[in-house]
Amino acid sequence: SVTAYFKQVTTIGSNVQITKIFYDGLVYRVESDEYVEITNLGSEPQDLAGWVLKDISEGYPSFTFPHYVLAPGAAIRVYTNEIHPEWGGFSFGYGKAIWNNTDPDTAALYDAQGQEVSRKSY
């Protein structure tokens, strides 16, 4: 007989926040190195499966997270079109700049139920 023990993962995302937007990438024209940083400011792990990060100023693109548990105090980044395993390995896979360099822009994060849990503008 095998007994498995699992730690429950919180599903309310109020402690998971967009903490930074690096909007003026250094890669000429395509700015593939732009990113949005998301941090778990809470004390419980958070499963991000089905969560969505979106540029709401334009309405697109959006990135839907696969199963990924964000530990308390940990941060991940979603890049425009680069993969950085040290930051979670997430990318929009978008071939051109997403975040405006000259006009205001807003990123929003939605939980798996479609509720907005964080918004950041610059």
PDB file of N, CA and C in Angstrom:
ATOM      1  N   SER A   1       0.840  -1.184   0.000  1.00  0.00           N
ATOM      2  CA  SER A   1       0.000   0.000   0.000  1.00  0.00           C
ATOM      3  C   SER A   1       0.883   1.244   0.000  1.00  0.00           C
ATOM      4  N   VAL A   2       0.516   2.199  -0.808  1.00  0.00           N
ATOM      5  CA  VAL A   2       1.254   3.450  -0.912  1.00  0.00           C
ATOM      6  C   VAL A   2       0.337   4.582  -0.466  1.00  0.00           C
ATOM      7  N   THR A   3       0.844   5.435   0.393  1.00  0.00           N
ATOM      8  CA  THR A   3       0.086   6.601   0.833  1.00  0.00           C
ATOM      9  C   THR A   3       0.755   7.838   0.274  1.00  0.00           C
ATOM     10  N   ALA A   4      -0.022   8.666  -0.385  1.00  0.00           N
ATOM     11  CA  ALA A   4       0.519   9.899  -0.958  1.00  0.00           C
ATOM     12  C   ALA A   4       0.013  11.083  -0.151  1.00  0.00           C
ATOM     13  N   TYR A   5       0.893  12.028   0.070  1.00  0.00           N
ATOM     14  CA  TYR A   5       0.527  13.254   0.771  1.00  0.00           C
ATOM     15  C   TYR A   5       0.740  14.426  -0.169  1.00  0.00           C
ATOM     16  N   PHE A   6      -0.245  15.288  -0.243  1.00  0.00           N
ATOM     17  CA  PHE A   6      -0.171  16.443  -1.126  1.00  0.00           C
ATOM     18  C   PHE A   6      -0.420  17.705  -0.326  1.00  0.00           C
ATOM     19  N   LYS A   7       0.317  18.751  -0.649  1.00  0.00           N
ATOM     20  CA  LYS A   7       0.074  20.053  -0.037  1.00  0.00           C
ATOM     21  C   LYS A   7      -0.934  20.775  -0.908  1.00  0.00           C
ATOM     22  N   GLN A   8      -2.007  21.255  -0.292  1.00  0.00           N
ATOM     23  CA  GLN A   8      -3.024  21.977  -1.046  1.00  0.00           C
ATOM     24  C   GLN A   8      -2.449  23.290  -1.556  1.00  0.00           C
ATOM     25  N   VAL A   9      -2.737  23.606  -2.799  1.00  0.00           N
ATOM     26  CA  VAL A   9      -2.270  24.846  -3.409  1.00  0.00           C
ATOM     27  C   VAL A   9      -3.427  25.836  -3.418  1.00  0.00           C
ATOM     28  N   THR A  10      -3.170  27.026  -2.950  1.00  0.00           N
ATOM     29  CA  THR A  10      -4.190  28.068  -2.894  1.00  0.00           C
ATOM     30  C   THR A  10      -4.658  28.428  -4.299  1.00  0.00           C
ATOM     31  N   THR A  11      -5.961  28.624  -4.461  1.00  0.00           N
ATOM     32  CA  THR A  11      -6.484  28.980  -5.774  1.00  0.00           C
ATOM     33  C   THR A  11      -6.869  30.454  -5.869  1.00  0.00           C
ATOM     34  N   ILE A  12      -6.858  31.163  -4.753  1.00  0.00           N
ATOM     35  CA  ILE A  12      -7.158  32.597  -4.782  1.00  0.00           C
ATOM     36  C   ILE A  12      -5.862  33.332  -5.050  1.00  0.00           C
ATOM     37  N   GLY A  13      -5.849  34.151  -6.095  1.00  0.00           N
ATOM     38  CA  GLY A  13      -4.596  34.734  -6.547  1.00  0.00           C
ATOM     39  C   GLY A  13      -4.282  36.135  -6.081  1.00  0.00           C
ATOM     40  N   SER A  14      -4.903  36.609  -5.034  1.00  0.00           N
ATOM     41  CA  SER A  14      -4.683  37.993  -4.631  1.00  0.00           C
ATOM     42  C   SER A  14      -3.245  38.275  -4.220  1.00  0.00           C
ATOM     43  N   ASN A  15      -2.493  37.266  -3.842  1.00  0.00           N
ATOM     44  CA  ASN A  15      -1.097  37.471  -3.455  1.00  0.00           C
ATOM     45  C   ASN A  15      -0.134  37.347  -4.628  1.00  0.00           C
ATOM     46  N   VAL A  16      -0.622  36.947  -5.778  1.00  0.00           N
ATOM     47  CA  VAL A  16       0.208  36.853  -6.972  1.00  0.00           C
ATOM     48  C   VAL A  16       0.003  38.142  -7.760  1.00  0.00           C
ATOM     49  N   GLN A  17       1.085  38.874  -7.949  1.00  0.00           N
ATOM     50  CA  GLN A  17       0.985  40.213  -8.516  1.00  0.00           C
ATOM     51  C   GLN A  17       1.979  40.427  -9.658  1.00  0.00           C
ATOM     52  N   ILE A  18       1.600  41.273 -10.603  1.00  0.00           N
ATOM     53  CA  ILE A  18       2.545  41.765 -11.600  1.00  0.00           C
ATOM     54  C   ILE A  18       3.407  42.790 -10.872  1.00  0.00           C
ATOM     55  N   THR A  19       4.696  42.543 -10.808  1.00  0.00           N
ATOM     56  CA  THR A  19       5.579  43.424 -10.041  1.00  0.00           C
ATOM     57  C   THR A  19       6.501  44.268 -10.910  1.00  0.00           C
ATOM     58  N   LYS A  20       6.626  43.923 -12.198  1.00  0.00           N
ATOM     59  CA  LYS A  20       7.516  44.703 -13.060  1.00  0.00           C
ATOM     60  C   LYS A  20       7.154  44.464 -14.519  1.00  0.00           C
ATOM     61  N   ILE A  21       7.275  45.523 -15.315  1.00  0.00           N
ATOM     62  CA  ILE A  21       7.182  45.397 -16.771  1.00  0.00           C
ATOM     63  C   ILE A  21       8.434  46.037 -17.356  1.00  0.00           C
ATOM     64  N   PHE A  22       9.259  45.216 -18.008  1.00  0.00           N
ATOM     65  CA  PHE A  22      10.429  45.722 -18.730  1.00  0.00           C
ATOM     66  C   PHE A  22       9.964  45.910 -20.165  1.00  0.00           C
ATOM     67  N   TYR A  23       9.575  47.150 -20.501  1.00  0.00           N
ATOM     68  CA  TYR A  23       8.876  47.407 -21.758  1.00  0.00           C
ATOM     69  C   TYR A  23       9.754  47.921 -22.888  1.00  0.00           C
ATOM     70  N   ASP A  24      10.957  48.350 -22.608  1.00  0.00           N
ATOM     71  CA  ASP A  24      11.817  48.887 -23.665  1.00  0.00           C
ATOM     72  C   ASP A  24      13.000  47.951 -23.851  1.00  0.00           C
ATOM     73  N   GLY A  25      12.749  46.865 -24.565  1.00  0.00           N
ATOM     74  CA  GLY A  25      13.762  45.838 -24.749  1.00  0.00           C
ATOM     75  C   GLY A  25      15.004  46.340 -25.458  1.00  0.00           C
ATOM     76  N   LEU A  26      16.078  45.598 -25.302  1.00  0.00           N
ATOM     77  CA  LEU A  26      17.363  45.969 -25.875  1.00  0.00           C
ATOM     78  C   LEU A  26      17.615  45.333 -27.239  1.00  0.00           C
ATOM     79  N   VAL A  27      16.781  44.351 -27.618  1.00  0.00           N
ATOM     80  CA  VAL A  27      16.932  43.698 -28.914  1.00  0.00           C
ATOM     81  C   VAL A  27      16.250  44.580 -29.958  1.00  0.00           C
ATOM     82  N   TYR A  28      17.052  45.126 -30.865  1.00  0.00           N
ATOM     83  CA  TYR A  28      16.584  46.101 -31.857  1.00  0.00           C
ATOM     84  C   TYR A  28      15.354  45.617 -32.616  1.00  0.00           C
ATOM     85  N   ARG A  29      14.370  46.473 -32.721  1.00  0.00           N
ATOM     86  CA  ARG A  29      13.118  46.330 -33.464  1.00  0.00           C
ATOM     87  C   ARG A  29      12.140  45.325 -32.873  1.00  0.00           C
ATOM     88  N   VAL A  30      12.545  44.096 -32.637  1.00  0.00           N
ATOM     89  CA  VAL A  30      11.592  43.082 -32.176  1.00  0.00           C
ATOM     90  C   VAL A  30      11.430  43.063 -30.658  1.00  0.00           C
ATOM     91  N   GLU A  31      12.405  43.596 -29.935  1.00  0.00           N
ATOM     92  CA  GLU A  31      12.369  43.685 -28.473  1.00  0.00           C
ATOM     93  C   GLU A  31      11.941  42.371 -27.811  1.00  0.00           C
ATOM     94  N   SER A  32      12.530  41.284 -28.275  1.00  0.00           N
ATOM     95  CA  SER A  32      12.182  39.962 -27.760  1.00  0.00           C
ATOM     96  C   SER A  32      12.490  39.800 -26.278  1.00  0.00           C
ATOM     97  N   ASP A  33      13.341  40.679 -25.738  1.00  0.00           N
ATOM     98  CA  ASP A  33      13.737  40.582 -24.331  1.00  0.00           C
ATOM     99  C   ASP A  33      12.827  41.365 -23.380  1.00  0.00           C
ATOM    100  N   GLU A  34      11.751  41.972 -23.891  1.00  0.00           N
ATOM    101  CA  GLU A  34      10.763  42.579 -22.994  1.00  0.00           C
ATOM    102  C   GLU A  34      10.202  41.472 -22.094  1.00  0.00           C
ATOM    103  N   TYR A  35       9.750  41.845 -20.897  1.00  0.00           N
ATOM    104  CA  TYR A  35       9.119  40.843 -20.039  1.00  0.00           C
ATOM    105  C   TYR A  35       8.191  41.484 -19.022  1.00  0.00           C
ATOM    106  N   VAL A  36       7.303  40.643 -18.501  1.00  0.00           N
ATOM    107  CA  VAL A  36       6.460  40.986 -17.357  1.00  0.00           C
ATOM    108  C   VAL A  36       6.874  40.047 -16.234  1.00  0.00           C
ATOM    109  N   GLU A  37       7.166  40.624 -15.076  1.00  0.00           N
ATOM    110  CA  GLU A  37       7.562  39.823 -13.916  1.00  0.00           C
ATOM    111  C   GLU A  37       6.365  39.662 -12.988  1.00  0.00           C
ATOM    112  N   ILE A  38       6.137  38.446 -12.547  1.00  0.00           N
ATOM    113  CA  ILE A  38       5.019  38.104 -11.669  1.00  0.00           C
ATOM    114  C   ILE A  38       5.601  37.466 -10.419  1.00  0.00           C
ATOM    115  N   THR A  39       5.170  37.943  -9.251  1.00  0.00           N
ATOM    116  CA  THR A  39       5.726  37.493  -7.980  1.00  0.00           C
ATOM    117  C   THR A  39       4.617  36.998  -7.063  1.00  0.00           C
ATOM    118  N   ASN A  40       4.890  35.900  -6.365  1.00  0.00           N
ATOM    119  CA  ASN A  40       3.981  35.409  -5.330  1.00  0.00           C
ATOM    120  C   ASN A  40       4.370  36.086  -4.024  1.00  0.00           C
ATOM    121  N   LEU A  41       3.604  37.087  -3.617  1.00  0.00           N
ATOM    122  CA  LEU A  41       3.885  37.853  -2.408  1.00  0.00           C
ATOM    123  C   LEU A  41       3.291  37.202  -1.165  1.00  0.00           C
ATOM    124  N   GLY A  42       2.596  36.093  -1.346  1.00  0.00           N
ATOM    125  CA  GLY A  42       1.938  35.417  -0.234  1.00  0.00           C
ATOM    126  C   GLY A  42       2.820  34.388   0.442  1.00  0.00           C
ATOM    127  N   SER A  43       2.216  33.646   1.346  1.00  0.00           N
ATOM    128  CA  SER A  43       2.944  32.634   2.115  1.00  0.00           C
ATOM    129  C   SER A  43       2.593  31.212   1.689  1.00  0.00           C
ATOM    130  N   GLU A  44       1.756  31.075   0.661  1.00  0.00           N
ATOM    131  CA  GLU A  44       1.351  29.763   0.159  1.00  0.00           C
ATOM    132  C   GLU A  44       1.717  29.636  -1.316  1.00  0.00           C
ATOM    133  N   PRO A  45       2.041  28.417  -1.777  1.00  0.00           N
ATOM    134  CA  PRO A  45       2.298  28.221  -3.206  1.00  0.00           C
ATOM    135  C   PRO A  45       1.022  28.443  -4.014  1.00  0.00           C
ATOM    136  N   GLN A  46       1.195  28.823  -5.270  1.00  0.00           N
ATOM    137  CA  GLN A  46       0.051  29.091  -6.142  1.00  0.00           C
ATOM    138  C   GLN A  46       0.224  28.369  -7.465  1.00  0.00           C
ATOM    139  N   ASP A  47      -0.730  27.503  -7.807  1.00  0.00           N
ATOM    140  CA  ASP A  47      -0.719  26.836  -9.106  1.00  0.00           C
ATOM    141  C   ASP A  47      -1.256  27.817 -10.140  1.00  0.00           C
ATOM    142  N   LEU A  48      -0.466  28.089 -11.170  1.00  0.00           N
ATOM    143  CA  LEU A  48      -0.844  29.060 -12.200  1.00  0.00           C
ATOM    144  C   LEU A  48      -1.513  28.425 -13.420  1.00  0.00           C
ATOM    145  N   ALA A  49      -1.806  27.136 -13.380  1.00  0.00           N
ATOM    146  CA  ALA A  49      -2.425  26.465 -14.532  1.00  0.00           C
ATOM    147  C   ALA A  49      -3.698  27.183 -14.951  1.00  0.00           C
ATOM    148  N   GLY A  50      -3.762  27.567 -16.215  1.00  0.00           N
ATOM    149  CA  GLY A  50      -4.938  28.228 -16.753  1.00  0.00           C
ATOM    150  C   GLY A  50      -4.998  29.728 -16.520  1.00  0.00           C
ATOM    151  N   TRP A  51      -4.029  30.272 -15.789  1.00  0.00           N
ATOM    152  CA  TRP A  51      -3.985  31.723 -15.591  1.00  0.00           C
ATOM    153  C   TRP A  51      -3.575  32.382 -16.900  1.00  0.00           C
ATOM    154  N   VAL A  52      -3.979  33.631 -17.098  1.00  0.00           N
ATOM    155  CA  VAL A  52      -3.723  34.334 -18.353  1.00  0.00           C
ATOM    156  C   VAL A  52      -3.103  35.697 -18.072  1.00  0.00           C
ATOM    157  N   LEU A  53      -2.026  35.998 -18.796  1.00  0.00           N
ATOM    158  CA  LEU A  53      -1.395  37.315 -18.785  1.00  0.00           C
ATOM    159  C   LEU A  53      -1.711  37.962 -20.123  1.00  0.00           C
ATOM    160  N   LYS A  54      -2.173  39.219 -20.084  1.00  0.00           N
ATOM    161  CA  LYS A  54      -2.640  39.850 -21.315  1.00  0.00           C
ATOM    162  C   LYS A  54      -2.259  41.323 -21.358  1.00  0.00           C
ATOM    163  N   ASP A  55      -1.938  41.789 -22.560  1.00  0.00           N
ATOM    164  CA  ASP A  55      -1.786  43.222 -22.815  1.00  0.00           C
ATOM    165  C   ASP A  55      -3.196  43.755 -23.026  1.00  0.00           C
ATOM    166  N   ILE A  56      -3.757  44.426 -22.012  1.00  0.00           N
ATOM    167  CA  ILE A  56      -5.153  44.852 -22.144  1.00  0.00           C
ATOM    168  C   ILE A  56      -5.305  46.181 -22.865  1.00  0.00           C
ATOM    169  N   SER A  57      -4.213  46.900 -23.069  1.00  0.00           N
ATOM    170  CA  SER A  57      -4.300  48.138 -23.849  1.00  0.00           C
ATOM    171  C   SER A  57      -4.622  47.831 -25.307  1.00  0.00           C
ATOM    172  N   GLU A  58      -4.020  46.773 -25.827  1.00  0.00           N
ATOM    173  CA  GLU A  58      -4.251  46.352 -27.214  1.00  0.00           C
ATOM    174  C   GLU A  58      -5.286  45.236 -27.308  1.00  0.00           C
ATOM    175  N   GLY A  59      -5.476  44.502 -26.217  1.00  0.00           N
ATOM    176  CA  GLY A  59      -6.386  43.359 -26.228  1.00  0.00           C
ATOM    177  C   GLY A  59      -5.706  42.051 -26.602  1.00  0.00           C
ATOM    178  N   TYR A  60      -4.460  42.108 -26.980  1.00  0.00           N
ATOM    179  CA  TYR A  60      -3.672  40.936 -27.369  1.00  0.00           C
ATOM    180  C   TYR A  60      -2.205  41.307 -27.262  1.00  0.00           C
ATOM    181  N   PRO A  61      -1.291  40.412 -27.294  1.00  0.00           N
ATOM    182  CA  PRO A  61      -1.501  38.974 -27.196  1.00  0.00           C
ATOM    183  C   PRO A  61      -1.798  38.572 -25.756  1.00  0.00           C
ATOM    184  N   SER A  62      -2.110  37.301 -25.590  1.00  0.00           N
ATOM    185  CA  SER A  62      -2.288  36.773 -24.245  1.00  0.00           C
ATOM    186  C   SER A  62      -1.448  35.509 -24.108  1.00  0.00           C
ATOM    187  N   PHE A  63      -1.065  35.227 -22.873  1.00  0.00           N
ATOM    188  CA  PHE A  63      -0.279  34.032 -22.573  1.00  0.00           C
ATOM    189  C   PHE A  63      -1.029  33.246 -21.513  1.00  0.00           C
ATOM    190  N   THR A  64      -1.308  31.965 -21.789  1.00  0.00           N
ATOM    191  CA  THR A  64      -1.968  31.091 -20.820  1.00  0.00           C
ATOM    192  C   THR A  64      -0.924  30.178 -20.200  1.00  0.00           C
ATOM    193  N   PHE A  65      -0.867  30.197 -18.872  1.00  0.00           N
ATOM    194  CA  PHE A  65       0.126  29.399 -18.161  1.00  0.00           C
ATOM    195  C   PHE A  65      -0.236  27.922 -18.178  1.00  0.00           C
ATOM    196  N   PRO A  66       0.776  27.072 -18.372  1.00  0.00           N
ATOM    197  CA  PRO A  66       0.594  25.636 -18.166  1.00  0.00           C
ATOM    198  C   PRO A  66       0.633  25.380 -16.656  1.00  0.00           C
ATOM    199  N   HIS A  67       0.565  24.122 -16.263  1.00  0.00           N
ATOM    200  CA  HIS A  67       0.706  23.806 -14.837  1.00  0.00           C
ATOM    201  C   HIS A  67       2.081  24.283 -14.364  1.00  0.00           C
ATOM    202  N   TYR A  68       2.084  25.150 -13.377  1.00  0.00           N
ATOM    203  CA  TYR A  68       3.327  25.656 -12.787  1.00  0.00           C
ATOM    204  C   TYR A  68       2.989  26.175 -11.401  1.00  0.00           C
ATOM    205  N   VAL A  69       3.698  25.689 -10.393  1.00  0.00           N
ATOM    206  CA  VAL A  69       3.458  26.139  -9.026  1.00  0.00           C
ATOM    207  C   VAL A  69       4.489  27.201  -8.674  1.00  0.00           C
ATOM    208  N   LEU A  70       3.987  28.400  -8.382  1.00  0.00           N
ATOM    209  CA  LEU A  70       4.834  29.529  -8.006  1.00  0.00           C
ATOM    210  C   LEU A  70       4.965  29.546  -6.489  1.00  0.00           C
ATOM    211  N   ALA A  71       6.175  29.307  -6.026  1.00  0.00           N
ATOM    212  CA  ALA A  71       6.448  29.223  -4.588  1.00  0.00           C
ATOM    213  C   ALA A  71       6.308  30.589  -3.920  1.00  0.00           C
ATOM    214  N   PRO A  72       6.044  30.614  -2.623  1.00  0.00           N
ATOM    215  CA  PRO A  72       5.978  31.883  -1.895  1.00  0.00           C
ATOM    216  C   PRO A  72       7.286  32.661  -2.048  1.00  0.00           C
ATOM    217  N   GLY A  73       7.175  33.933  -2.374  1.00  0.00           N
ATOM    218  CA  GLY A  73       8.351  34.786  -2.533  1.00  0.00           C
ATOM    219  C   GLY A  73       9.054  34.656  -3.868  1.00  0.00           C
ATOM    220  N   ALA A  74       8.642  33.698  -4.688  1.00  0.00           N
ATOM    221  CA  ALA A  74       9.305  33.465  -5.976  1.00  0.00           C
ATOM    222  C   ALA A  74       8.733  34.379  -7.053  1.00  0.00           C
ATOM    223  N   ALA A  75       9.559  34.635  -8.069  1.00  0.00           N
ATOM    224  CA  ALA A  75       9.147  35.453  -9.211  1.00  0.00           C
ATOM    225  C   ALA A  75       9.436  34.699 -10.503  1.00  0.00           C
ATOM    226  N   ILE A  76       8.591  34.924 -11.496  1.00  0.00           N
ATOM    227  CA  ILE A  76       8.784  34.388 -12.841  1.00  0.00           C
ATOM    228  C   ILE A  76       8.652  35.544 -13.817  1.00  0.00           C
ATOM    229  N   ARG A  77       9.101  35.318 -15.040  1.00  0.00           N
ATOM    230  CA  ARG A  77       8.965  36.323 -16.090  1.00  0.00           C
ATOM    231  C   ARG A  77       8.379  35.677 -17.333  1.00  0.00           C
ATOM    232  N   VAL A  78       7.523  36.443 -18.011  1.00  0.00           N
ATOM    233  CA  VAL A  78       7.002  36.028 -19.312  1.00  0.00           C
ATOM    234  C   VAL A  78       7.602  36.988 -20.328  1.00  0.00           C
ATOM    235  N   TYR A  79       8.491  36.457 -21.165  1.00  0.00           N
ATOM    236  CA  TYR A  79       9.197  37.267 -22.159  1.00  0.00           C
ATOM    237  C   TYR A  79       8.378  37.387 -23.440  1.00  0.00           C
ATOM    238  N   THR A  80       8.669  38.418 -24.221  1.00  0.00           N
ATOM    239  CA  THR A  80       7.990  38.615 -25.495  1.00  0.00           C
ATOM    240  C   THR A  80       8.305  37.474 -26.454  1.00  0.00           C
ATOM    241  N   ASN A  81       9.596  37.144 -26.632  1.00  0.00           N
ATOM    242  CA  ASN A  81       9.947  36.066 -27.556  1.00  0.00           C
ATOM    243  C   ASN A  81      11.324  35.491 -27.232  1.00  0.00           C
ATOM    244  N   GLU A  82      11.567  35.239 -25.971  1.00  0.00           N
ATOM    245  CA  GLU A  82      12.792  34.571 -25.526  1.00  0.00           C
ATOM    246  C   GLU A  82      12.419  33.566 -24.443  1.00  0.00           C
ATOM    247  N   ILE A  83      13.253  32.555 -24.301  1.00  0.00           N
ATOM    248  CA  ILE A  83      13.063  31.542 -23.262  1.00  0.00           C
ATOM    249  C   ILE A  83      14.208  31.674 -22.262  1.00  0.00           C
ATOM    250  N   HIS A  84      13.867  31.872 -21.006  1.00  0.00           N
ATOM    251  CA  HIS A  84      14.854  31.973 -19.927  1.00  0.00           C
ATOM    252  C   HIS A  84      14.460  30.987 -18.831  1.00  0.00           C
ATOM    253  N   PRO A  85      15.026  29.766 -18.865  1.00  0.00           N
ATOM    254  CA  PRO A  85      14.659  28.755 -17.874  1.00  0.00           C
ATOM    255  C   PRO A  85      14.828  29.221 -16.427  1.00  0.00           C
ATOM    256  N   GLU A  86      15.810  30.093 -16.194  1.00  0.00           N
ATOM    257  CA  GLU A  86      16.045  30.570 -14.828  1.00  0.00           C
ATOM    258  C   GLU A  86      14.894  31.437 -14.311  1.00  0.00           C
ATOM    259  N   TRP A  87      14.012  31.880 -15.199  1.00  0.00           N
ATOM    260  CA  TRP A  87      12.843  32.690 -14.832  1.00  0.00           C
ATOM    261  C   TRP A  87      11.540  31.950 -15.127  1.00  0.00           C
ATOM    262  N   GLY A  88      11.583  30.649 -15.268  1.00  0.00           N
ATOM    263  CA  GLY A  88      10.381  29.849 -15.487  1.00  0.00           C
ATOM    264  C   GLY A  88      10.235  29.321 -16.894  1.00  0.00           C
ATOM    265  N   GLY A  89      10.927  29.945 -17.872  1.00  0.00           N
ATOM    266  CA  GLY A  89      10.885  29.463 -19.250  1.00  0.00           C
ATOM    267  C   GLY A  89       9.638  29.864 -20.024  1.00  0.00           C
ATOM    268  N   PHE A  90       8.981  30.961 -19.629  1.00  0.00           N
ATOM    269  CA  PHE A  90       7.731  31.373 -20.270  1.00  0.00           C
ATOM    270  C   PHE A  90       7.953  32.459 -21.318  1.00  0.00           C
ATOM    271  N   SER A  91       7.212  32.355 -22.433  1.00  0.00           N
ATOM    272  CA  SER A  91       7.327  33.329 -23.512  1.00  0.00           C
ATOM    273  C   SER A  91       5.999  33.441 -24.256  1.00  0.00           C
ATOM    274  N   PHE A  92       5.655  34.666 -24.644  1.00  0.00           N
ATOM    275  CA  PHE A  92       4.498  34.864 -25.515  1.00  0.00           C
ATOM    276  C   PHE A  92       4.755  34.227 -26.880  1.00  0.00           C
ATOM    277  N   GLY A  93       6.032  34.098 -27.271  1.00  0.00           N
ATOM    278  CA  GLY A  93       6.358  33.594 -28.598  1.00  0.00           C
ATOM    279  C   GLY A  93       5.896  34.550 -29.681  1.00  0.00           C
ATOM    280  N   TYR A  94       5.955  35.835 -29.372  1.00  0.00           N
ATOM    281  CA  TYR A  94       5.456  36.877 -30.264  1.00  0.00           C
ATOM    282  C   TYR A  94       6.622  37.475 -31.031  1.00  0.00           C
ATOM    283  N   GLY A  95       6.490  37.647 -32.336  1.00  0.00           N
ATOM    284  CA  GLY A  95       7.591  38.049 -33.196  1.00  0.00           C
ATOM    285  C   GLY A  95       7.922  39.525 -33.240  1.00  0.00           C
ATOM    286  N   LYS A  96       7.192  40.346 -32.506  1.00  0.00           N
ATOM    287  CA  LYS A  96       7.495  41.778 -32.474  1.00  0.00           C
ATOM    288  C   LYS A  96       7.216  42.310 -31.072  1.00  0.00           C
ATOM    289  N   ALA A  97       7.599  43.558 -30.841  1.00  0.00           N
ATOM    290  CA  ALA A  97       7.419  44.169 -29.520  1.00  0.00           C
ATOM    291  C   ALA A  97       5.945  44.139 -29.110  1.00  0.00           C
ATOM    292  N   ILE A  98       5.701  43.875 -27.833  1.00  0.00           N
ATOM    293  CA  ILE A  98       4.344  43.870 -27.286  1.00  0.00           C
ATOM    294  C   ILE A  98       4.059  45.161 -26.524  1.00  0.00           C
ATOM    295  N   TRP A  99       4.992  45.557 -25.684  1.00  0.00           N
ATOM    296  CA  TRP A  99       4.767  46.659 -24.745  1.00  0.00           C
ATOM    297  C   TRP A  99       5.219  47.979 -25.359  1.00  0.00           C
ATOM    298  N   ASN A 100       4.336  48.973 -25.344  1.00  0.00           N
ATOM    299  CA  ASN A 100       4.596  50.282 -25.950  1.00  0.00           C
ATOM    300  C   ASN A 100       5.755  50.999 -25.271  1.00  0.00           C
ATOM    301  N   ASN A 101       6.608  51.611 -26.075  1.00  0.00           N
ATOM    302  CA  ASN A 101       7.734  52.379 -25.534  1.00  0.00           C
ATOM    303  C   ASN A 101       7.390  53.848 -25.343  1.00  0.00           C
ATOM    304  N   THR A 102       6.437  54.361 -26.092  1.00  0.00           N
ATOM    305  CA  THR A 102       6.146  55.797 -26.059  1.00  0.00           C
ATOM    306  C   THR A 102       4.779  56.128 -25.471  1.00  0.00           C
ATOM    307  N   ASP A 103       3.856  55.196 -25.471  1.00  0.00           N
ATOM    308  CA  ASP A 103       2.514  55.425 -24.938  1.00  0.00           C
ATOM    309  C   ASP A 103       2.294  54.555 -23.705  1.00  0.00           C
ATOM    310  N   PRO A 104       1.377  54.960 -22.830  1.00  0.00           N
ATOM    311  CA  PRO A 104       1.063  54.112 -21.673  1.00  0.00           C
ATOM    312  C   PRO A 104       0.551  52.747 -22.126  1.00  0.00           C
ATOM    313  N   ASP A 105       0.777  51.750 -21.306  1.00  0.00           N
ATOM    314  CA  ASP A 105       0.334  50.393 -21.599  1.00  0.00           C
ATOM    315  C   ASP A 105      -0.014  49.716 -20.281  1.00  0.00           C
ATOM    316  N   THR A 106      -0.828  48.665 -20.362  1.00  0.00           N
ATOM    317  CA  THR A 106      -1.283  47.972 -19.157  1.00  0.00           C
ATOM    318  C   THR A 106      -1.269  46.469 -19.376  1.00  0.00           C
ATOM    319  N   ALA A 107      -0.711  45.758 -18.400  1.00  0.00           N
ATOM    320  CA  ALA A 107      -0.748  44.300 -18.369  1.00  0.00           C
ATOM    321  C   ALA A 107      -1.720  43.878 -17.281  1.00  0.00           C
ATOM    322  N   ALA A 108      -2.460  42.806 -17.532  1.00  0.00           N
ATOM    323  CA  ALA A 108      -3.379  42.277 -16.529  1.00  0.00           C
ATOM    324  C   ALA A 108      -3.176  40.772 -16.407  1.00  0.00           C
ATOM    325  N   LEU A 109      -3.374  40.276 -15.184  1.00  0.00           N
ATOM    326  CA  LEU A 109      -3.239  38.855 -14.883  1.00  0.00           C
ATOM    327  C   LEU A 109      -4.587  38.346 -14.392  1.00  0.00           C
ATOM    328  N   TYR A 110      -5.039  37.241 -14.993  1.00  0.00           N
ATOM    329  CA  TYR A 110      -6.330  36.647 -14.653  1.00  0.00           C
ATOM    330  C   TYR A 110      -6.110  35.235 -14.125  1.00  0.00           C
ATOM    331  N   ASP A 111      -6.882  34.856 -13.108  1.00  0.00           N
ATOM    332  CA  ASP A 111      -6.777  33.493 -12.596  1.00  0.00           C
ATOM    333  C   ASP A 111      -7.515  32.535 -13.529  1.00  0.00           C
ATOM    334  N   ALA A 112      -7.513  31.253 -13.198  1.00  0.00           N
ATOM    335  CA  ALA A 112      -8.094  30.228 -14.063  1.00  0.00           C
ATOM    336  C   ALA A 112      -9.609  30.378 -14.221  1.00  0.00           C
ATOM    337  N   GLN A 113     -10.256  31.128 -13.327  1.00  0.00           N
ATOM    338  CA  GLN A 113     -11.693  31.376 -13.426  1.00  0.00           C
ATOM    339  C   GLN A 113     -11.997  32.660 -14.201  1.00  0.00           C
ATOM    340  N   GLY A 114     -10.952  33.339 -14.687  1.00  0.00           N
ATOM    341  CA  GLY A 114     -11.135  34.551 -15.467  1.00  0.00           C
ATOM    342  C   GLY A 114     -11.254  35.821 -14.644  1.00  0.00           C
ATOM    343  N   GLN A 115     -11.001  35.730 -13.340  1.00  0.00           N
ATOM    344  CA  GLN A 115     -11.054  36.903 -12.474  1.00  0.00           C
ATOM    345  C   GLN A 115      -9.721  37.644 -12.521  1.00  0.00           C
ATOM    346  N   GLU A 116      -9.768  38.950 -12.716  1.00  0.00           N
ATOM    347  CA  GLU A 116      -8.532  39.729 -12.709  1.00  0.00           C
ATOM    348  C   GLU A 116      -7.962  39.752 -11.294  1.00  0.00           C
ATOM    349  N   VAL A 117      -6.674  39.405 -11.174  1.00  0.00           N
ATOM    350  CA  VAL A 117      -6.028  39.384  -9.859  1.00  0.00           C
ATOM    351  C   VAL A 117      -4.940  40.440  -9.734  1.00  0.00           C
ATOM    352  N   SER A 118      -4.466  40.968 -10.866  1.00  0.00           N
ATOM    353  CA  SER A 118      -3.423  41.989 -10.818  1.00  0.00           C
ATOM    354  C   SER A 118      -3.433  42.782 -12.119  1.00  0.00           C
ATOM    355  N   ARG A 119      -3.053  44.064 -11.979  1.00  0.00           N
ATOM    356  CA  ARG A 119      -2.965  44.954 -13.139  1.00  0.00           C
ATOM    357  C   ARG A 119      -1.813  45.907 -12.878  1.00  0.00           C
ATOM    358  N   LYS A 120      -1.018  46.153 -13.905  1.00  0.00           N
ATOM    359  CA  LYS A 120       0.076  47.113 -13.771  1.00  0.00           C
ATOM    360  C   LYS A 120       0.154  47.937 -15.046  1.00  0.00           C
ATOM    361  N   SER A 121       0.266  49.245 -14.858  1.00  0.00           N
ATOM    362  CA  SER A 121       0.387  50.173 -15.981  1.00  0.00           C
ATOM    363  C   SER A 121       1.676  50.963 -15.852  1.00  0.00           C
ATOM    364  N   TYR A 122       2.119  51.501 -16.952  1.00  0.00           N
ATOM    365  CA  TYR A 122       3.279  52.400 -16.940  1.00  0.00           C
ATOM    366  C   TYR A 122       3.041  53.509 -17.928  1.00  0.00           C
TER     367      TYR A 122
END
